[in-house]
N, C-alpha and C. Protein backbone atom coordinates (compact mmCIF):
# COMPACT_ATOMS: atom_id res chain seq x y z
N MET A 1 0.82 -1.20 0.00
CA MET A 1 0.00 0.00 0.00
C MET A 1 0.86 1.26 0.00
N LEU A 2 1.99 1.22 0.73
CA LEU A 2 2.85 2.40 0.84
C LEU A 2 4.05 2.36 -0.10
N ASP A 3 4.20 1.27 -0.85
CA ASP A 3 5.39 1.14 -1.69
C ASP A 3 5.50 2.24 -2.73
N GLY A 4 4.38 2.60 -3.36
CA GLY A 4 4.42 3.66 -4.37
C GLY A 4 4.87 4.99 -3.78
N TRP A 5 4.34 5.34 -2.61
CA TRP A 5 4.74 6.57 -1.92
C TRP A 5 6.22 6.52 -1.55
N ALA A 6 6.67 5.36 -1.02
CA ALA A 6 8.07 5.23 -0.61
C ALA A 6 9.00 5.37 -1.81
N ARG A 7 8.61 4.79 -2.95
CA ARG A 7 9.44 4.88 -4.15
C ARG A 7 9.61 6.33 -4.58
N ARG A 8 8.54 7.08 -4.56
CA ARG A 8 8.62 8.49 -4.98
C ARG A 8 9.54 9.30 -4.06
N LYS A 9 9.57 8.96 -2.79
CA LYS A 9 10.40 9.68 -1.83
C LYS A 9 11.87 9.27 -1.92
N LEU A 10 12.11 7.97 -2.12
CA LEU A 10 13.47 7.44 -2.05
C LEU A 10 14.19 7.37 -3.38
N ASP A 11 13.46 7.24 -4.48
CA ASP A 11 14.10 7.02 -5.78
C ASP A 11 15.12 8.09 -6.16
N PRO A 12 14.84 9.39 -5.94
CA PRO A 12 15.86 10.39 -6.33
C PRO A 12 17.20 10.18 -5.62
N MET A 13 17.15 9.87 -4.33
CA MET A 13 18.39 9.63 -3.58
C MET A 13 19.06 8.34 -4.02
N LEU A 14 18.25 7.30 -4.23
CA LEU A 14 18.81 6.02 -4.68
C LEU A 14 19.45 6.14 -6.05
N ASP A 15 18.85 6.94 -6.92
CA ASP A 15 19.40 7.12 -8.26
C ASP A 15 20.78 7.75 -8.22
N VAL A 16 20.98 8.71 -7.33
CA VAL A 16 22.29 9.37 -7.21
C VAL A 16 23.35 8.37 -6.75
N VAL A 17 23.02 7.62 -5.68
CA VAL A 17 23.97 6.63 -5.16
C VAL A 17 24.21 5.53 -6.18
N ALA A 18 23.15 5.09 -6.84
CA ALA A 18 23.27 4.01 -7.83
C ALA A 18 24.16 4.43 -8.98
N GLY A 19 24.07 5.69 -9.38
CA GLY A 19 24.92 6.18 -10.46
C GLY A 19 26.39 6.06 -10.11
N ARG A 20 26.73 6.39 -8.88
CA ARG A 20 28.13 6.31 -8.44
C ARG A 20 28.59 4.86 -8.35
N LEU A 21 27.71 3.99 -7.85
CA LEU A 21 28.08 2.58 -7.75
C LEU A 21 28.26 1.96 -9.14
N ALA A 22 27.35 2.29 -10.05
CA ALA A 22 27.45 1.77 -11.42
C ALA A 22 28.73 2.25 -12.09
N ASP A 23 29.07 3.53 -11.89
CA ASP A 23 30.29 4.07 -12.47
C ASP A 23 31.54 3.40 -11.90
N ALA A 24 31.42 2.93 -10.65
CA ALA A 24 32.56 2.25 -10.01
C ALA A 24 32.64 0.77 -10.40
N GLY A 25 31.68 0.32 -11.20
CA GLY A 25 31.71 -1.07 -11.66
C GLY A 25 31.03 -2.07 -10.75
N VAL A 26 30.27 -1.60 -9.76
CA VAL A 26 29.56 -2.50 -8.85
C VAL A 26 28.32 -3.04 -9.55
N SER A 27 28.14 -4.35 -9.51
CA SER A 27 27.00 -4.95 -10.20
C SER A 27 25.76 -4.97 -9.31
N ALA A 28 24.60 -4.99 -9.95
CA ALA A 28 23.34 -5.07 -9.21
C ALA A 28 23.25 -6.36 -8.43
N ASN A 29 23.73 -7.47 -9.02
CA ASN A 29 23.66 -8.75 -8.33
C ASN A 29 24.52 -8.76 -7.06
N ALA A 30 25.66 -8.10 -7.11
CA ALA A 30 26.52 -8.03 -5.92
C ALA A 30 25.81 -7.27 -4.80
N ILE A 31 25.10 -6.21 -5.16
CA ILE A 31 24.35 -5.44 -4.17
C ILE A 31 23.22 -6.28 -3.59
N THR A 32 22.54 -7.05 -4.45
CA THR A 32 21.44 -7.90 -3.99
C THR A 32 21.94 -8.91 -2.96
N VAL A 33 23.05 -9.57 -3.26
CA VAL A 33 23.62 -10.57 -2.34
C VAL A 33 24.08 -9.90 -1.06
N ALA A 34 24.75 -8.75 -1.18
CA ALA A 34 25.23 -8.04 0.00
C ALA A 34 24.08 -7.61 0.90
N ALA A 35 22.99 -7.13 0.28
CA ALA A 35 21.81 -6.71 1.05
C ALA A 35 21.22 -7.88 1.81
N CYS A 36 21.19 -9.05 1.19
CA CYS A 36 20.68 -10.24 1.87
C CYS A 36 21.57 -10.63 3.04
N LEU A 37 22.88 -10.59 2.84
CA LEU A 37 23.80 -10.94 3.92
C LEU A 37 23.66 -9.98 5.10
N VAL A 38 23.49 -8.70 4.81
CA VAL A 38 23.27 -7.72 5.88
C VAL A 38 21.95 -8.01 6.59
N GLY A 39 20.93 -8.40 5.81
CA GLY A 39 19.65 -8.76 6.40
C GLY A 39 19.77 -9.97 7.32
N LEU A 40 20.57 -10.96 6.93
CA LEU A 40 20.80 -12.11 7.79
C LEU A 40 21.56 -11.70 9.06
N ALA A 41 22.49 -10.75 8.92
CA ALA A 41 23.19 -10.24 10.10
C ALA A 41 22.20 -9.52 11.02
N ALA A 42 21.23 -8.83 10.45
CA ALA A 42 20.19 -8.17 11.25
C ALA A 42 19.40 -9.21 12.05
N ALA A 43 19.03 -10.31 11.38
CA ALA A 43 18.28 -11.36 12.05
C ALA A 43 19.12 -11.98 13.17
N ALA A 44 20.42 -12.16 12.93
CA ALA A 44 21.30 -12.71 13.95
C ALA A 44 21.41 -11.77 15.15
N ALA A 45 21.50 -10.47 14.87
CA ALA A 45 21.56 -9.49 15.96
C ALA A 45 20.27 -9.53 16.78
N ILE A 46 19.14 -9.62 16.11
CA ILE A 46 17.84 -9.70 16.80
C ILE A 46 17.78 -10.96 17.65
N ALA A 47 18.22 -12.09 17.09
CA ALA A 47 18.22 -13.35 17.83
C ALA A 47 19.08 -13.26 19.08
N SER A 48 20.11 -12.41 19.04
CA SER A 48 21.01 -12.23 20.19
C SER A 48 20.52 -11.18 21.16
N GLY A 49 19.37 -10.59 20.87
CA GLY A 49 18.81 -9.56 21.74
C GLY A 49 19.36 -8.17 21.48
N LEU A 50 20.11 -8.00 20.39
CA LEU A 50 20.67 -6.69 20.05
C LEU A 50 19.73 -5.99 19.08
N PHE A 51 18.61 -5.50 19.60
CA PHE A 51 17.52 -5.04 18.75
C PHE A 51 17.83 -3.73 18.02
N VAL A 52 18.55 -2.83 18.65
CA VAL A 52 18.91 -1.58 17.98
C VAL A 52 19.88 -1.86 16.83
N SER A 53 20.87 -2.70 17.09
CA SER A 53 21.79 -3.10 16.03
C SER A 53 21.04 -3.80 14.91
N GLY A 54 20.11 -4.66 15.29
CA GLY A 54 19.29 -5.36 14.31
C GLY A 54 18.50 -4.39 13.45
N LEU A 55 17.96 -3.35 14.07
CA LEU A 55 17.19 -2.35 13.32
C LEU A 55 18.08 -1.62 12.32
N LEU A 56 19.26 -1.20 12.75
CA LEU A 56 20.16 -0.48 11.85
C LEU A 56 20.59 -1.36 10.67
N LEU A 57 20.91 -2.62 10.96
CA LEU A 57 21.29 -3.54 9.89
C LEU A 57 20.12 -3.83 8.96
N LEU A 58 18.95 -3.94 9.55
CA LEU A 58 17.73 -4.17 8.76
C LEU A 58 17.51 -3.04 7.76
N LEU A 59 17.62 -1.80 8.24
CA LEU A 59 17.41 -0.65 7.35
C LEU A 59 18.49 -0.56 6.29
N LEU A 60 19.73 -0.88 6.66
CA LEU A 60 20.82 -0.89 5.68
C LEU A 60 20.57 -1.96 4.61
N SER A 61 20.08 -3.10 5.03
CA SER A 61 19.76 -4.17 4.09
C SER A 61 18.71 -3.73 3.08
N ARG A 62 17.69 -3.06 3.56
CA ARG A 62 16.61 -2.64 2.65
C ARG A 62 17.04 -1.49 1.75
N LEU A 63 18.01 -0.70 2.22
CA LEU A 63 18.60 0.31 1.34
C LEU A 63 19.27 -0.38 0.16
N GLY A 64 20.01 -1.44 0.45
CA GLY A 64 20.63 -2.21 -0.62
C GLY A 64 19.61 -2.82 -1.55
N ASP A 65 18.49 -3.25 -1.00
CA ASP A 65 17.44 -3.83 -1.83
C ASP A 65 16.87 -2.80 -2.80
N GLY A 66 16.85 -1.54 -2.41
CA GLY A 66 16.41 -0.50 -3.33
C GLY A 66 17.48 -0.12 -4.33
N LEU A 67 18.74 -0.20 -3.91
CA LEU A 67 19.84 0.20 -4.79
C LEU A 67 20.07 -0.77 -5.94
N ASP A 68 19.82 -2.07 -5.71
CA ASP A 68 20.15 -3.02 -6.77
C ASP A 68 19.34 -2.77 -8.04
N GLY A 69 18.06 -2.44 -7.87
CA GLY A 69 17.24 -2.14 -9.05
C GLY A 69 17.69 -0.88 -9.75
N ALA A 70 18.09 0.13 -8.96
CA ALA A 70 18.54 1.38 -9.55
C ALA A 70 19.84 1.19 -10.33
N VAL A 71 20.73 0.35 -9.81
CA VAL A 71 21.98 0.04 -10.52
C VAL A 71 21.67 -0.77 -11.78
N ALA A 72 20.72 -1.70 -11.67
CA ALA A 72 20.37 -2.54 -12.82
C ALA A 72 19.82 -1.69 -13.97
N LYS A 73 19.12 -0.62 -13.65
CA LYS A 73 18.60 0.27 -14.71
C LYS A 73 19.73 0.88 -15.51
N ARG A 74 20.87 1.10 -14.88
CA ARG A 74 22.01 1.72 -15.56
C ARG A 74 22.90 0.69 -16.27
N ARG A 75 23.08 -0.46 -15.63
CA ARG A 75 24.02 -1.44 -16.17
C ARG A 75 23.34 -2.52 -17.00
N GLY A 76 22.02 -2.52 -17.00
CA GLY A 76 21.27 -3.51 -17.78
C GLY A 76 20.66 -4.58 -16.88
N LYS A 77 19.36 -4.79 -17.04
CA LYS A 77 18.66 -5.79 -16.24
C LYS A 77 18.88 -7.18 -16.84
N THR A 78 18.90 -8.18 -15.95
CA THR A 78 19.04 -9.56 -16.38
C THR A 78 17.98 -10.41 -15.69
N ASP A 79 17.67 -11.55 -16.29
CA ASP A 79 16.73 -12.47 -15.65
C ASP A 79 17.28 -13.01 -14.35
N LEU A 80 18.59 -13.26 -14.31
CA LEU A 80 19.21 -13.74 -13.07
C LEU A 80 19.06 -12.70 -11.98
N GLY A 81 19.26 -11.44 -12.33
CA GLY A 81 19.11 -10.38 -11.33
C GLY A 81 17.71 -10.33 -10.75
N GLY A 82 16.70 -10.43 -11.62
CA GLY A 82 15.33 -10.44 -11.14
C GLY A 82 15.04 -11.64 -10.26
N TYR A 83 15.60 -12.79 -10.64
CA TYR A 83 15.42 -14.02 -9.86
C TYR A 83 16.05 -13.88 -8.48
N LEU A 84 17.31 -13.43 -8.44
CA LEU A 84 17.99 -13.28 -7.16
C LEU A 84 17.27 -12.27 -6.27
N ASP A 85 16.78 -11.21 -6.85
CA ASP A 85 16.12 -10.17 -6.08
C ASP A 85 14.92 -10.72 -5.32
N ILE A 86 14.06 -11.47 -6.00
CA ILE A 86 12.85 -11.96 -5.33
C ILE A 86 13.18 -13.08 -4.35
N VAL A 87 14.09 -14.00 -4.72
CA VAL A 87 14.43 -15.11 -3.83
C VAL A 87 15.09 -14.61 -2.55
N LEU A 88 16.04 -13.71 -2.68
CA LEU A 88 16.75 -13.22 -1.49
C LEU A 88 15.89 -12.29 -0.65
N ASP A 89 14.90 -11.63 -1.27
CA ASP A 89 13.92 -10.89 -0.48
C ASP A 89 13.17 -11.84 0.45
N PHE A 90 12.77 -12.99 -0.08
CA PHE A 90 12.05 -13.96 0.75
C PHE A 90 12.95 -14.51 1.85
N VAL A 91 14.24 -14.67 1.57
CA VAL A 91 15.18 -15.09 2.62
C VAL A 91 15.17 -14.08 3.76
N PHE A 92 15.24 -12.81 3.42
CA PHE A 92 15.24 -11.74 4.43
C PHE A 92 13.94 -11.75 5.23
N TYR A 93 12.81 -11.80 4.53
CA TYR A 93 11.51 -11.73 5.20
C TYR A 93 11.27 -12.93 6.11
N GLY A 94 11.89 -14.06 5.80
CA GLY A 94 11.77 -15.22 6.69
C GLY A 94 12.73 -15.17 7.86
N ALA A 95 13.90 -14.57 7.65
CA ALA A 95 14.94 -14.58 8.68
C ALA A 95 14.59 -13.69 9.87
N VAL A 96 13.98 -12.55 9.62
CA VAL A 96 13.72 -11.61 10.72
C VAL A 96 12.73 -12.18 11.74
N PRO A 97 11.56 -12.71 11.34
CA PRO A 97 10.69 -13.34 12.34
C PRO A 97 11.36 -14.49 13.07
N LEU A 98 12.19 -15.26 12.36
CA LEU A 98 12.94 -16.33 13.00
C LEU A 98 13.87 -15.77 14.07
N GLY A 99 14.48 -14.63 13.78
CA GLY A 99 15.35 -13.99 14.77
C GLY A 99 14.61 -13.65 16.05
N PHE A 100 13.38 -13.12 15.92
CA PHE A 100 12.59 -12.80 17.11
C PHE A 100 12.18 -14.07 17.85
N ALA A 101 11.88 -15.14 17.12
CA ALA A 101 11.53 -16.40 17.77
C ALA A 101 12.71 -16.94 18.58
N LEU A 102 13.91 -16.82 18.02
CA LEU A 102 15.10 -17.30 18.73
C LEU A 102 15.46 -16.40 19.91
N ALA A 103 15.13 -15.12 19.80
CA ALA A 103 15.45 -14.19 20.90
C ALA A 103 14.67 -14.54 22.16
N ASP A 104 13.43 -14.97 22.00
CA ASP A 104 12.58 -15.33 23.15
C ASP A 104 11.58 -16.37 22.69
N PRO A 105 11.98 -17.64 22.63
CA PRO A 105 11.10 -18.68 22.10
C PRO A 105 9.76 -18.78 22.84
N THR A 106 9.77 -18.63 24.14
CA THR A 106 8.54 -18.77 24.90
C THR A 106 7.51 -17.72 24.52
N ALA A 107 7.95 -16.49 24.42
CA ALA A 107 7.02 -15.39 24.13
C ALA A 107 6.74 -15.22 22.65
N ASN A 108 7.71 -15.56 21.79
CA ASN A 108 7.62 -15.15 20.38
C ASN A 108 7.44 -16.26 19.37
N ALA A 109 7.74 -17.50 19.72
CA ALA A 109 7.80 -18.56 18.71
C ALA A 109 6.46 -18.77 18.01
N LEU A 110 5.38 -18.81 18.75
CA LEU A 110 4.07 -19.06 18.14
C LEU A 110 3.67 -17.92 17.21
N ALA A 111 3.86 -16.68 17.66
CA ALA A 111 3.52 -15.52 16.83
C ALA A 111 4.40 -15.45 15.59
N ALA A 112 5.69 -15.77 15.75
CA ALA A 112 6.59 -15.78 14.60
C ALA A 112 6.15 -16.85 13.60
N SER A 113 5.71 -18.00 14.10
CA SER A 113 5.23 -19.06 13.21
C SER A 113 3.99 -18.61 12.46
N GLY A 114 3.09 -17.92 13.14
CA GLY A 114 1.89 -17.39 12.48
C GLY A 114 2.24 -16.37 11.42
N LEU A 115 3.20 -15.51 11.71
CA LEU A 115 3.62 -14.51 10.74
C LEU A 115 4.27 -15.17 9.52
N LEU A 116 5.13 -16.15 9.77
CA LEU A 116 5.77 -16.86 8.66
C LEU A 116 4.74 -17.62 7.82
N PHE A 117 3.72 -18.18 8.46
CA PHE A 117 2.63 -18.84 7.74
C PHE A 117 1.94 -17.86 6.80
N SER A 118 1.68 -16.66 7.30
CA SER A 118 1.01 -15.65 6.46
C SER A 118 1.91 -15.22 5.31
N PHE A 119 3.23 -15.10 5.58
CA PHE A 119 4.17 -14.75 4.52
C PHE A 119 4.21 -15.84 3.44
N TYR A 120 4.14 -17.09 3.87
CA TYR A 120 4.17 -18.23 2.95
C TYR A 120 2.97 -18.17 2.00
N ILE A 121 1.80 -17.94 2.56
CA ILE A 121 0.59 -17.87 1.73
C ILE A 121 0.63 -16.65 0.83
N ASN A 122 1.02 -15.51 1.39
CA ASN A 122 1.07 -14.29 0.60
C ASN A 122 2.10 -14.39 -0.53
N GLY A 123 3.26 -14.96 -0.21
CA GLY A 123 4.30 -15.11 -1.22
C GLY A 123 3.88 -16.04 -2.34
N SER A 124 3.22 -17.14 -1.99
CA SER A 124 2.79 -18.07 -3.03
C SER A 124 1.69 -17.46 -3.89
N SER A 125 0.80 -16.67 -3.28
CA SER A 125 -0.25 -16.02 -4.07
C SER A 125 0.35 -14.97 -5.01
N PHE A 126 1.39 -14.29 -4.55
CA PHE A 126 2.07 -13.29 -5.37
C PHE A 126 2.79 -13.93 -6.55
N LEU A 127 3.56 -15.00 -6.27
CA LEU A 127 4.34 -15.63 -7.32
C LEU A 127 3.45 -16.37 -8.32
N ALA A 128 2.41 -17.03 -7.82
CA ALA A 128 1.50 -17.74 -8.73
C ALA A 128 0.79 -16.74 -9.64
N TYR A 129 0.40 -15.60 -9.09
CA TYR A 129 -0.24 -14.57 -9.92
C TYR A 129 0.74 -14.08 -10.99
N ALA A 130 2.00 -13.89 -10.60
CA ALA A 130 3.00 -13.42 -11.56
C ALA A 130 3.19 -14.41 -12.70
N VAL A 131 3.17 -15.72 -12.37
CA VAL A 131 3.33 -16.75 -13.40
C VAL A 131 2.16 -16.70 -14.38
N MET A 132 0.94 -16.62 -13.86
CA MET A 132 -0.23 -16.57 -14.73
C MET A 132 -0.26 -15.28 -15.56
N ALA A 133 0.18 -14.18 -14.94
CA ALA A 133 0.22 -12.91 -15.67
C ALA A 133 1.22 -12.98 -16.82
N GLU A 134 2.38 -13.59 -16.56
CA GLU A 134 3.38 -13.76 -17.61
C GLU A 134 2.83 -14.62 -18.74
N LYS A 135 2.11 -15.68 -18.39
CA LYS A 135 1.52 -16.57 -19.39
C LYS A 135 0.57 -15.80 -20.31
N ARG A 136 -0.13 -14.81 -19.74
CA ARG A 136 -1.09 -14.02 -20.51
C ARG A 136 -0.47 -12.74 -21.08
N LYS A 137 0.84 -12.59 -20.93
CA LYS A 137 1.56 -11.43 -21.45
C LYS A 137 1.07 -10.12 -20.82
N MET A 138 0.66 -10.19 -19.57
CA MET A 138 0.21 -8.99 -18.86
C MET A 138 1.42 -8.19 -18.40
N THR A 139 1.26 -6.88 -18.30
CA THR A 139 2.33 -6.02 -17.81
C THR A 139 1.78 -5.08 -16.75
N SER A 140 2.67 -4.58 -15.89
CA SER A 140 2.26 -3.63 -14.86
C SER A 140 3.44 -2.74 -14.50
N GLU A 141 3.18 -1.45 -14.34
CA GLU A 141 4.19 -0.50 -13.89
C GLU A 141 3.78 0.10 -12.55
N ALA A 142 2.89 -0.60 -11.83
CA ALA A 142 2.37 -0.06 -10.57
C ALA A 142 3.47 0.19 -9.56
N ARG A 143 4.53 -0.62 -9.58
CA ARG A 143 5.66 -0.46 -8.66
C ARG A 143 6.95 -0.22 -9.43
N GLY A 144 6.83 0.41 -10.60
CA GLY A 144 8.00 0.66 -11.42
C GLY A 144 8.36 -0.57 -12.22
N PRO A 145 9.38 -0.47 -13.06
CA PRO A 145 9.80 -1.62 -13.87
C PRO A 145 10.28 -2.77 -12.99
N LYS A 146 9.69 -3.94 -13.18
CA LYS A 146 10.03 -5.12 -12.38
C LYS A 146 10.24 -6.31 -13.30
N SER A 147 10.98 -7.30 -12.80
CA SER A 147 11.18 -8.52 -13.57
C SER A 147 9.95 -9.40 -13.55
N LEU A 148 9.11 -9.25 -12.53
CA LEU A 148 7.89 -10.02 -12.40
C LEU A 148 6.69 -9.08 -12.40
N PHE A 149 5.52 -9.63 -12.66
CA PHE A 149 4.28 -8.85 -12.57
C PHE A 149 3.98 -8.63 -11.09
N PHE A 150 3.90 -7.36 -10.67
CA PHE A 150 3.67 -7.03 -9.27
C PHE A 150 2.22 -6.63 -9.05
N THR A 151 1.54 -7.36 -8.17
CA THR A 151 0.21 -6.96 -7.73
C THR A 151 0.36 -6.18 -6.43
N THR A 152 -0.48 -5.20 -6.23
CA THR A 152 -0.41 -4.37 -5.02
C THR A 152 -1.30 -4.96 -3.94
N GLY A 153 -1.13 -4.46 -2.71
CA GLY A 153 -1.95 -4.94 -1.60
C GLY A 153 -1.69 -4.11 -0.36
N LEU A 154 -2.39 -4.47 0.73
CA LEU A 154 -2.23 -3.73 1.97
C LEU A 154 -0.88 -4.01 2.63
N ALA A 155 -0.41 -5.24 2.54
CA ALA A 155 0.86 -5.62 3.17
C ALA A 155 1.91 -5.80 2.08
N GLU A 156 2.72 -4.76 1.87
CA GLU A 156 3.78 -4.81 0.87
C GLU A 156 5.12 -4.63 1.57
N ALA A 157 6.17 -4.38 0.80
CA ALA A 157 7.51 -4.31 1.38
C ALA A 157 7.64 -3.20 2.42
N THR A 158 7.12 -2.01 2.10
CA THR A 158 7.27 -0.88 3.02
C THR A 158 6.59 -1.16 4.35
N GLU A 159 5.37 -1.71 4.30
CA GLU A 159 4.67 -2.04 5.54
C GLU A 159 5.43 -3.08 6.35
N THR A 160 6.00 -4.06 5.65
CA THR A 160 6.75 -5.11 6.34
C THR A 160 7.98 -4.55 7.04
N ILE A 161 8.69 -3.67 6.36
CA ILE A 161 9.87 -3.05 6.97
C ILE A 161 9.47 -2.21 8.18
N LEU A 162 8.38 -1.46 8.06
CA LEU A 162 7.92 -0.66 9.19
C LEU A 162 7.54 -1.53 10.38
N VAL A 163 6.90 -2.65 10.11
CA VAL A 163 6.52 -3.58 11.18
C VAL A 163 7.77 -4.17 11.83
N PHE A 164 8.74 -4.59 11.03
CA PHE A 164 9.99 -5.12 11.59
C PHE A 164 10.69 -4.06 12.44
N ALA A 165 10.69 -2.82 11.96
CA ALA A 165 11.32 -1.74 12.72
C ALA A 165 10.59 -1.52 14.05
N LEU A 166 9.27 -1.55 14.01
CA LEU A 166 8.48 -1.39 15.23
C LEU A 166 8.78 -2.50 16.22
N CYS A 167 8.94 -3.71 15.72
CA CYS A 167 9.28 -4.84 16.59
C CYS A 167 10.65 -4.67 17.22
N CYS A 168 11.59 -4.11 16.47
CA CYS A 168 12.93 -3.87 17.02
C CYS A 168 12.89 -2.79 18.10
N LEU A 169 12.06 -1.78 17.91
CA LEU A 169 11.95 -0.70 18.88
C LEU A 169 11.19 -1.12 20.12
N PHE A 170 10.23 -2.03 19.97
CA PHE A 170 9.40 -2.49 21.08
C PHE A 170 9.36 -4.03 21.07
N PRO A 171 10.50 -4.68 21.34
CA PRO A 171 10.57 -6.14 21.21
C PRO A 171 9.61 -6.90 22.11
N SER A 172 9.25 -6.32 23.24
CA SER A 172 8.31 -7.01 24.13
C SER A 172 6.90 -7.07 23.54
N TRP A 173 6.65 -6.24 22.53
CA TRP A 173 5.34 -6.25 21.86
C TRP A 173 5.32 -7.12 20.61
N PHE A 174 6.40 -7.85 20.37
CA PHE A 174 6.51 -8.58 19.11
C PHE A 174 5.29 -9.44 18.82
N ALA A 175 4.86 -10.22 19.79
CA ALA A 175 3.77 -11.17 19.54
C ALA A 175 2.50 -10.45 19.06
N TRP A 176 2.14 -9.37 19.73
CA TRP A 176 0.94 -8.63 19.34
C TRP A 176 1.08 -8.03 17.95
N ILE A 177 2.24 -7.44 17.69
CA ILE A 177 2.48 -6.84 16.38
C ILE A 177 2.47 -7.91 15.28
N ALA A 178 3.10 -9.04 15.57
CA ALA A 178 3.20 -10.11 14.57
C ALA A 178 1.83 -10.67 14.23
N TRP A 179 1.00 -10.92 15.23
CA TRP A 179 -0.34 -11.44 14.95
C TRP A 179 -1.16 -10.45 14.15
N ALA A 180 -1.06 -9.18 14.49
CA ALA A 180 -1.83 -8.15 13.75
C ALA A 180 -1.37 -8.08 12.30
N PHE A 181 -0.05 -8.12 12.09
CA PHE A 181 0.44 -8.02 10.72
C PHE A 181 0.18 -9.31 9.95
N ALA A 182 0.18 -10.44 10.63
CA ALA A 182 -0.17 -11.70 9.97
C ALA A 182 -1.59 -11.63 9.43
N ALA A 183 -2.50 -11.05 10.22
CA ALA A 183 -3.89 -10.91 9.76
C ALA A 183 -3.95 -10.01 8.53
N LEU A 184 -3.21 -8.92 8.55
CA LEU A 184 -3.19 -8.00 7.41
C LEU A 184 -2.58 -8.67 6.17
N THR A 185 -1.55 -9.46 6.38
CA THR A 185 -0.89 -10.18 5.29
C THR A 185 -1.83 -11.22 4.68
N LEU A 186 -2.55 -11.94 5.53
CA LEU A 186 -3.51 -12.93 5.03
C LEU A 186 -4.63 -12.26 4.25
N TYR A 187 -5.05 -11.09 4.71
CA TYR A 187 -6.07 -10.34 3.96
C TYR A 187 -5.54 -9.96 2.58
N THR A 188 -4.28 -9.54 2.52
CA THR A 188 -3.67 -9.19 1.24
C THR A 188 -3.65 -10.40 0.31
N ALA A 189 -3.28 -11.57 0.84
CA ALA A 189 -3.26 -12.79 0.04
C ALA A 189 -4.66 -13.14 -0.45
N LEU A 190 -5.65 -13.02 0.44
CA LEU A 190 -7.03 -13.33 0.06
C LEU A 190 -7.52 -12.39 -1.04
N SER A 191 -7.18 -11.11 -0.91
CA SER A 191 -7.61 -10.15 -1.93
C SER A 191 -6.96 -10.45 -3.27
N ARG A 192 -5.72 -10.95 -3.25
CA ARG A 192 -5.04 -11.32 -4.49
C ARG A 192 -5.68 -12.57 -5.11
N ILE A 193 -6.11 -13.49 -4.27
CA ILE A 193 -6.81 -14.68 -4.77
C ILE A 193 -8.13 -14.30 -5.42
N VAL A 194 -8.83 -13.37 -4.80
CA VAL A 194 -10.09 -12.88 -5.39
C VAL A 194 -9.81 -12.20 -6.72
N LEU A 195 -8.76 -11.39 -6.77
CA LEU A 195 -8.38 -10.73 -8.02
C LEU A 195 -8.05 -11.76 -9.09
N ALA A 196 -7.33 -12.81 -8.70
CA ALA A 196 -6.99 -13.86 -9.66
C ALA A 196 -8.24 -14.55 -10.20
N ALA A 197 -9.20 -14.78 -9.32
CA ALA A 197 -10.44 -15.43 -9.75
C ALA A 197 -11.16 -14.57 -10.77
N ARG A 198 -11.13 -13.27 -10.61
CA ARG A 198 -11.79 -12.37 -11.55
C ARG A 198 -11.00 -12.21 -12.84
N THR A 199 -9.68 -12.27 -12.74
CA THR A 199 -8.83 -12.01 -13.90
C THR A 199 -8.61 -13.24 -14.76
N PHE A 200 -8.41 -14.39 -14.13
CA PHE A 200 -7.99 -15.57 -14.87
C PHE A 200 -9.11 -16.56 -15.20
N ASP A 201 -10.30 -16.32 -14.68
CA ASP A 201 -11.40 -17.25 -14.92
C ASP A 201 -11.83 -17.23 -16.40
């Protein structure tokens, strides 16, 4: 829901940094992998109870996630780049809830499992829709040029990052926040299934 607004705010800054990285010969794929590794470090910090460090690493990781596409626009997009981008995004989105579960299994494990369940359903509905859209030669620029067909929803990348940040700032509230966002994520998946039924029938 907020991804379009976030793109308009961040893209000018990302474009400047991406231009310098591209001129220095840094590849988009290298940035994608580095962003994922930083995201895994964020999850490890969270699992260790270092929530402020986890938050800073989390934000740095997502900065890299925005930079890789901007660099790819300059150096040329590839199918491998698009593939790595989506797969490693899912690695990041799975690692952070796992980090909170490991930080306090008694308080957080069930809520983290519920959140991961919602991510699993939402991710499969997103990817399956993209496959069917590609089969029908559908295109979308709703979230800018993408390697896959992107459907919009209430729970998108920006909302997920904000929720993760909120959990880092208030770790004792993780379970409540996770259950609430899981419900929102499931609603997003359901709305996409309804859209698919109307579009592909």
